[in-house]
Amino acid sequence: MTSVEAILGLLFAATVIVLAAKRLDLPYPIALVLGGLGLSAIPGLPPLAMNPEIVFFLLLPPILS
């Protein structure tokens, strides 16, 4: 899995989690944390190592806005 595929997969998962949080009337930051914990608990997924700049510029702003 390339880093581009991993980033797109994480962004898609975050979008789905935020939409589910809105439907369930939950705060989306809490839902994203719980979703991340759930994704990390899936056995057999390869470890994901990303450049910190990608996290700060692509993944963090949607979470904080």
PDB file of N, CA and C in Angstrom:
ATOM      1  N   MET A   1       0.845  -1.169   0.000  1.00  0.00           N
ATOM      2  CA  MET A   1       0.000   0.000   0.000  1.00  0.00           C
ATOM      3  C   MET A   1       0.896   1.240   0.000  1.00  0.00           C
ATOM      4  N   THR A   2       0.636   2.113  -0.934  1.00  0.00           N
ATOM      5  CA  THR A   2       1.421   3.341  -0.998  1.00  0.00           C
ATOM      6  C   THR A   2       0.871   4.364  -0.010  1.00  0.00           C
ATOM      7  N   SER A   3       1.641   5.390   0.246  1.00  0.00           N
ATOM      8  CA  SER A   3       1.189   6.405   1.199  1.00  0.00           C
ATOM      9  C   SER A   3      -0.010   7.182   0.654  1.00  0.00           C
ATOM     10  N   VAL A   4      -0.091   7.333  -0.660  1.00  0.00           N
ATOM     11  CA  VAL A   4      -1.247   8.033  -1.249  1.00  0.00           C
ATOM     12  C   VAL A   4      -2.524   7.240  -0.987  1.00  0.00           C
ATOM     13  N   GLU A   5      -2.464   5.942  -1.171  1.00  0.00           N
ATOM     14  CA  GLU A   5      -3.635   5.111  -0.900  1.00  0.00           C
ATOM     15  C   GLU A   5      -4.000   5.142   0.573  1.00  0.00           C
ATOM     16  N   ALA A   6      -3.009   5.130   1.430  1.00  0.00           N
ATOM     17  CA  ALA A   6      -3.264   5.167   2.870  1.00  0.00           C
ATOM     18  C   ALA A   6      -3.908   6.488   3.271  1.00  0.00           C
ATOM     19  N   ILE A   7      -3.419   7.595   2.731  1.00  0.00           N
ATOM     20  CA  ILE A   7      -3.980   8.907   3.063  1.00  0.00           C
ATOM     21  C   ILE A   7      -5.413   9.011   2.566  1.00  0.00           C
ATOM     22  N   LEU A   8      -5.657   8.572   1.350  1.00  0.00           N
ATOM     23  CA  LEU A   8      -7.022   8.614   0.819  1.00  0.00           C
ATOM     24  C   LEU A   8      -7.955   7.721   1.631  1.00  0.00           C
ATOM     25  N   GLY A   9      -7.472   6.576   2.037  1.00  0.00           N
ATOM     26  CA  GLY A   9      -8.273   5.682   2.872  1.00  0.00           C
ATOM     27  C   GLY A   9      -8.591   6.294   4.224  1.00  0.00           C
ATOM     28  N   LEU A  10      -7.602   6.959   4.833  1.00  0.00           N
ATOM     29  CA  LEU A  10      -7.835   7.610   6.122  1.00  0.00           C
ATOM     30  C   LEU A  10      -8.800   8.785   5.992  1.00  0.00           C
ATOM     31  N   LEU A  11      -8.670   9.558   4.922  1.00  0.00           N
ATOM     32  CA  LEU A  11      -9.599  10.670   4.708  1.00  0.00           C
ATOM     33  C   LEU A  11     -11.022  10.172   4.464  1.00  0.00           C
ATOM     34  N   PHE A  12     -11.150   9.086   3.729  1.00  0.00           N
ATOM     35  CA  PHE A  12     -12.472   8.497   3.502  1.00  0.00           C
ATOM     36  C   PHE A  12     -13.058   7.989   4.821  1.00  0.00           C
ATOM     37  N   ALA A  13     -12.241   7.300   5.616  1.00  0.00           N
ATOM     38  CA  ALA A  13     -12.718   6.796   6.909  1.00  0.00           C
ATOM     39  C   ALA A  13     -13.123   7.955   7.821  1.00  0.00           C
ATOM     40  N   ALA A  14     -12.343   9.032   7.821  1.00  0.00           N
ATOM     41  CA  ALA A  14     -12.683  10.191   8.653  1.00  0.00           C
ATOM     42  C   ALA A  14     -13.998  10.819   8.201  1.00  0.00           C
ATOM     43  N   THR A  15     -14.217  10.878   6.897  1.00  0.00           N
ATOM     44  CA  THR A  15     -15.468  11.439   6.374  1.00  0.00           C
ATOM     45  C   THR A  15     -16.660  10.593   6.801  1.00  0.00           C
ATOM     46  N   VAL A  16     -16.523   9.293   6.697  1.00  0.00           N
ATOM     47  CA  VAL A  16     -17.611   8.398   7.095  1.00  0.00           C
ATOM     48  C   VAL A  16     -17.880   8.514   8.594  1.00  0.00           C
ATOM     49  N   ILE A  17     -16.830   8.614   9.382  1.00  0.00           N
ATOM     50  CA  ILE A  17     -16.998   8.718  10.831  1.00  0.00           C
ATOM     51  C   ILE A  17     -17.676  10.033  11.201  1.00  0.00           C
ATOM     52  N   VAL A  18     -17.290  11.126  10.556  1.00  0.00           N
ATOM     53  CA  VAL A  18     -17.913  12.424  10.848  1.00  0.00           C
ATOM     54  C   VAL A  18     -19.389  12.412  10.456  1.00  0.00           C
ATOM     55  N   LEU A  19     -19.718  11.833   9.315  1.00  0.00           N
ATOM     56  CA  LEU A  19     -21.123  11.753   8.911  1.00  0.00           C
ATOM     57  C   LEU A  19     -21.934  10.904   9.878  1.00  0.00           C
ATOM     58  N   ALA A  20     -21.361   9.805  10.347  1.00  0.00           N
ATOM     59  CA  ALA A  20     -22.049   8.962  11.330  1.00  0.00           C
ATOM     60  C   ALA A  20     -22.215   9.702  12.654  1.00  0.00           C
ATOM     61  N   ALA A  21     -21.223  10.485  13.038  1.00  0.00           N
ATOM     62  CA  ALA A  21     -21.323  11.253  14.291  1.00  0.00           C
ATOM     63  C   ALA A  21     -22.430  12.291  14.209  1.00  0.00           C
ATOM     64  N   LYS A  22     -22.572  12.920  13.044  1.00  0.00           N
ATOM     65  CA  LYS A  22     -23.650  13.903  12.887  1.00  0.00           C
ATOM     66  C   LYS A  22     -25.018  13.238  12.996  1.00  0.00           C
ATOM     67  N   ARG A  23     -25.164  12.053  12.401  1.00  0.00           N
ATOM     68  CA  ARG A  23     -26.443  11.355  12.462  1.00  0.00           C
ATOM     69  C   ARG A  23     -26.770  10.905  13.886  1.00  0.00           C
ATOM     70  N   LEU A  24     -25.715  10.534  14.643  1.00  0.00           N
ATOM     71  CA  LEU A  24     -25.919  10.067  16.011  1.00  0.00           C
ATOM     72  C   LEU A  24     -25.879  11.196  17.034  1.00  0.00           C
ATOM     73  N   ASP A  25     -25.689  12.430  16.570  1.00  0.00           N
ATOM     74  CA  ASP A  25     -25.634  13.614  17.420  1.00  0.00           C
ATOM     75  C   ASP A  25     -24.528  13.500  18.472  1.00  0.00           C
ATOM     76  N   LEU A  26     -23.344  13.070  18.012  1.00  0.00           N
ATOM     77  CA  LEU A  26     -22.148  12.996  18.856  1.00  0.00           C
ATOM     78  C   LEU A  26     -21.160  14.068  18.420  1.00  0.00           C
ATOM     79  N   PRO A  27     -20.332  14.550  19.328  1.00  0.00           N
ATOM     80  CA  PRO A  27     -19.262  15.460  18.906  1.00  0.00           C
ATOM     81  C   PRO A  27     -18.288  14.721  17.991  1.00  0.00           C
ATOM     82  N   TYR A  28     -17.995  15.296  16.832  1.00  0.00           N
ATOM     83  CA  TYR A  28     -17.179  14.570  15.863  1.00  0.00           C
ATOM     84  C   TYR A  28     -15.739  14.359  16.291  1.00  0.00           C
ATOM     85  N   PRO A  29     -15.107  15.232  17.102  1.00  0.00           N
ATOM     86  CA  PRO A  29     -13.737  14.896  17.525  1.00  0.00           C
ATOM     87  C   PRO A  29     -13.684  13.612  18.362  1.00  0.00           C
ATOM     88  N   ILE A  30     -14.683  13.418  19.202  1.00  0.00           N
ATOM     89  CA  ILE A  30     -14.726  12.192  20.004  1.00  0.00           C
ATOM     90  C   ILE A  30     -14.950  10.994  19.098  1.00  0.00           C
ATOM     91  N   ALA A  31     -15.821  11.138  18.107  1.00  0.00           N
ATOM     92  CA  ALA A  31     -16.069  10.043  17.170  1.00  0.00           C
ATOM     93  C   ALA A  31     -14.813   9.710  16.366  1.00  0.00           C
ATOM     94  N   LEU A  32     -14.036  10.729  15.988  1.00  0.00           N
ATOM     95  CA  LEU A  32     -12.802  10.475  15.245  1.00  0.00           C
ATOM     96  C   LEU A  32     -11.771   9.749  16.100  1.00  0.00           C
ATOM     97  N   VAL A  33     -11.689  10.106  17.367  1.00  0.00           N
ATOM     98  CA  VAL A  33     -10.757   9.403  18.260  1.00  0.00           C
ATOM     99  C   VAL A  33     -11.186   7.948  18.424  1.00  0.00           C
ATOM    100  N   LEU A  34     -12.468   7.733  18.647  1.00  0.00           N
ATOM    101  CA  LEU A  34     -12.950   6.356  18.798  1.00  0.00           C
ATOM    102  C   LEU A  34     -12.797   5.565  17.497  1.00  0.00           C
ATOM    103  N   GLY A  35     -13.020   6.225  16.365  1.00  0.00           N
ATOM    104  CA  GLY A  35     -12.817   5.553  15.075  1.00  0.00           C
ATOM    105  C   GLY A  35     -11.360   5.192  14.855  1.00  0.00           C
ATOM    106  N   GLY A  36     -10.456   6.088  15.238  1.00  0.00           N
ATOM    107  CA  GLY A  36      -9.029   5.790  15.127  1.00  0.00           C
ATOM    108  C   GLY A  36      -8.613   4.633  16.013  1.00  0.00           C
ATOM    109  N   LEU A  37      -9.165   4.586  17.207  1.00  0.00           N
ATOM    110  CA  LEU A  37      -8.882   3.457  18.089  1.00  0.00           C
ATOM    111  C   LEU A  37      -9.419   2.156  17.494  1.00  0.00           C
ATOM    112  N   GLY A  38     -10.607   2.249  16.898  1.00  0.00           N
ATOM    113  CA  GLY A  38     -11.178   1.061  16.261  1.00  0.00           C
ATOM    114  C   GLY A  38     -10.360   0.593  15.074  1.00  0.00           C
ATOM    115  N   LEU A  39      -9.893   1.533  14.257  1.00  0.00           N
ATOM    116  CA  LEU A  39      -9.065   1.160  13.103  1.00  0.00           C
ATOM    117  C   LEU A  39      -7.733   0.573  13.543  1.00  0.00           C
ATOM    118  N   SER A  40      -7.189   1.082  14.637  1.00  0.00           N
ATOM    119  CA  SER A  40      -5.900   0.562  15.095  1.00  0.00           C
ATOM    120  C   SER A  40      -6.018  -0.825  15.701  1.00  0.00           C
ATOM    121  N   ALA A  41      -7.221  -1.215  16.096  1.00  0.00           N
ATOM    122  CA  ALA A  41      -7.412  -2.524  16.717  1.00  0.00           C
ATOM    123  C   ALA A  41      -7.667  -3.637  15.702  1.00  0.00           C
ATOM    124  N   ILE A  42      -7.785  -3.305  14.422  1.00  0.00           N
ATOM    125  CA  ILE A  42      -8.032  -4.322  13.396  1.00  0.00           C
ATOM    126  C   ILE A  42      -6.754  -5.127  13.188  1.00  0.00           C
ATOM    127  N   PRO A  43      -6.816  -6.439  13.412  1.00  0.00           N
ATOM    128  CA  PRO A  43      -5.602  -7.252  13.237  1.00  0.00           C
ATOM    129  C   PRO A  43      -5.270  -7.430  11.753  1.00  0.00           C
ATOM    130  N   GLY A  44      -3.993  -7.503  11.477  1.00  0.00           N
ATOM    131  CA  GLY A  44      -3.538  -7.782  10.122  1.00  0.00           C
ATOM    132  C   GLY A  44      -3.295  -6.567   9.261  1.00  0.00           C
ATOM    133  N   LEU A  45      -3.625  -5.379   9.735  1.00  0.00           N
ATOM    134  CA  LEU A  45      -3.339  -4.186   8.951  1.00  0.00           C
ATOM    135  C   LEU A  45      -1.844  -3.883   9.018  1.00  0.00           C
ATOM    136  N   PRO A  46      -1.261  -3.503   7.903  1.00  0.00           N
ATOM    137  CA  PRO A  46       0.175  -3.185   7.942  1.00  0.00           C
ATOM    138  C   PRO A  46       0.421  -1.892   8.718  1.00  0.00           C
ATOM    139  N   PRO A  47       1.579  -1.771   9.329  1.00  0.00           N
ATOM    140  CA  PRO A  47       1.878  -0.513  10.033  1.00  0.00           C
ATOM    141  C   PRO A  47       1.955   0.644   9.045  1.00  0.00           C
ATOM    142  N   LEU A  48       1.528   1.798   9.488  1.00  0.00           N
ATOM    143  CA  LEU A  48       1.475   2.975   8.629  1.00  0.00           C
ATOM    144  C   LEU A  48       2.446   4.010   9.166  1.00  0.00           C
ATOM    145  N   ALA A  49       3.460   4.326   8.385  1.00  0.00           N
ATOM    146  CA  ALA A  49       4.425   5.360   8.755  1.00  0.00           C
ATOM    147  C   ALA A  49       4.297   6.486   7.740  1.00  0.00           C
ATOM    148  N   MET A  50       3.940   7.677   8.232  1.00  0.00           N
ATOM    149  CA  MET A  50       3.751   8.820   7.346  1.00  0.00           C
ATOM    150  C   MET A  50       4.712   9.933   7.721  1.00  0.00           C
ATOM    151  N   ASN A  51       4.992  10.736   6.755  1.00  0.00           N
ATOM    152  CA  ASN A  51       5.781  11.932   6.966  1.00  0.00           C
ATOM    153  C   ASN A  51       4.968  12.884   7.851  1.00  0.00           C
ATOM    154  N   PRO A  52       5.552  13.441   8.917  1.00  0.00           N
ATOM    155  CA  PRO A  52       4.787  14.338   9.794  1.00  0.00           C
ATOM    156  C   PRO A  52       4.215  15.559   9.070  1.00  0.00           C
ATOM    157  N   GLU A  53       4.864  16.015   8.017  1.00  0.00           N
ATOM    158  CA  GLU A  53       4.340  17.156   7.277  1.00  0.00           C
ATOM    159  C   GLU A  53       3.002  16.830   6.625  1.00  0.00           C
ATOM    160  N   ILE A  54       2.839  15.608   6.165  1.00  0.00           N
ATOM    161  CA  ILE A  54       1.565  15.198   5.567  1.00  0.00           C
ATOM    162  C   ILE A  54       0.469  15.240   6.616  1.00  0.00           C
ATOM    163  N   VAL A  55       0.774  14.766   7.802  1.00  0.00           N
ATOM    164  CA  VAL A  55      -0.226  14.773   8.869  1.00  0.00           C
ATOM    165  C   VAL A  55      -0.608  16.202   9.232  1.00  0.00           C
ATOM    166  N   PHE A  56       0.372  17.079   9.393  1.00  0.00           N
ATOM    167  CA  PHE A  56       0.092  18.448   9.814  1.00  0.00           C
ATOM    168  C   PHE A  56      -0.640  19.253   8.757  1.00  0.00           C
ATOM    169  N   PHE A  57      -0.368  19.018   7.486  1.00  0.00           N
ATOM    170  CA  PHE A  57      -0.963  19.845   6.441  1.00  0.00           C
ATOM    171  C   PHE A  57      -2.205  19.244   5.790  1.00  0.00           C
ATOM    172  N   LEU A  58      -2.369  17.928   5.820  1.00  0.00           N
ATOM    173  CA  LEU A  58      -3.522  17.307   5.158  1.00  0.00           C
ATOM    174  C   LEU A  58      -4.539  16.716   6.121  1.00  0.00           C
ATOM    175  N   LEU A  59      -4.097  16.081   7.186  1.00  0.00           N
ATOM    176  CA  LEU A  59      -5.037  15.378   8.060  1.00  0.00           C
ATOM    177  C   LEU A  59      -5.485  16.194   9.251  1.00  0.00           C
ATOM    178  N   LEU A  60      -4.637  16.995   9.820  1.00  0.00           N
ATOM    179  CA  LEU A  60      -4.981  17.738  11.027  1.00  0.00           C
ATOM    180  C   LEU A  60      -5.968  18.888  10.790  1.00  0.00           C
ATOM    181  N   PRO A  61      -5.843  19.692   9.742  1.00  0.00           N
ATOM    182  CA  PRO A  61      -6.802  20.806   9.568  1.00  0.00           C
ATOM    183  C   PRO A  61      -8.273  20.394   9.485  1.00  0.00           C
ATOM    184  N   PRO A  62      -8.633  19.315   8.759  1.00  0.00           N
ATOM    185  CA  PRO A  62     -10.061  18.942   8.768  1.00  0.00           C
ATOM    186  C   PRO A  62     -10.556  18.523  10.146  1.00  0.00           C
ATOM    187  N   ILE A  63      -9.689  17.952  10.957  1.00  0.00           N
ATOM    188  CA  ILE A  63     -10.090  17.531  12.289  1.00  0.00           C
ATOM    189  C   ILE A  63     -10.340  18.748  13.182  1.00  0.00           C
ATOM    190  N   LEU A  64      -9.512  19.774  13.030  1.00  0.00           N
ATOM    191  CA  LEU A  64      -9.612  20.948  13.896  1.00  0.00           C
ATOM    192  C   LEU A  64     -10.647  21.960  13.456  1.00  0.00           C
ATOM    193  N   SER A  65     -11.114  21.866  12.225  1.00  0.00           N
ATOM    194  CA  SER A  65     -12.070  22.880  11.757  1.00  0.00           C
ATOM    195  C   SER A  65     -13.501  22.546  12.148  1.00  0.00           C
TER     196      SER A  65
END
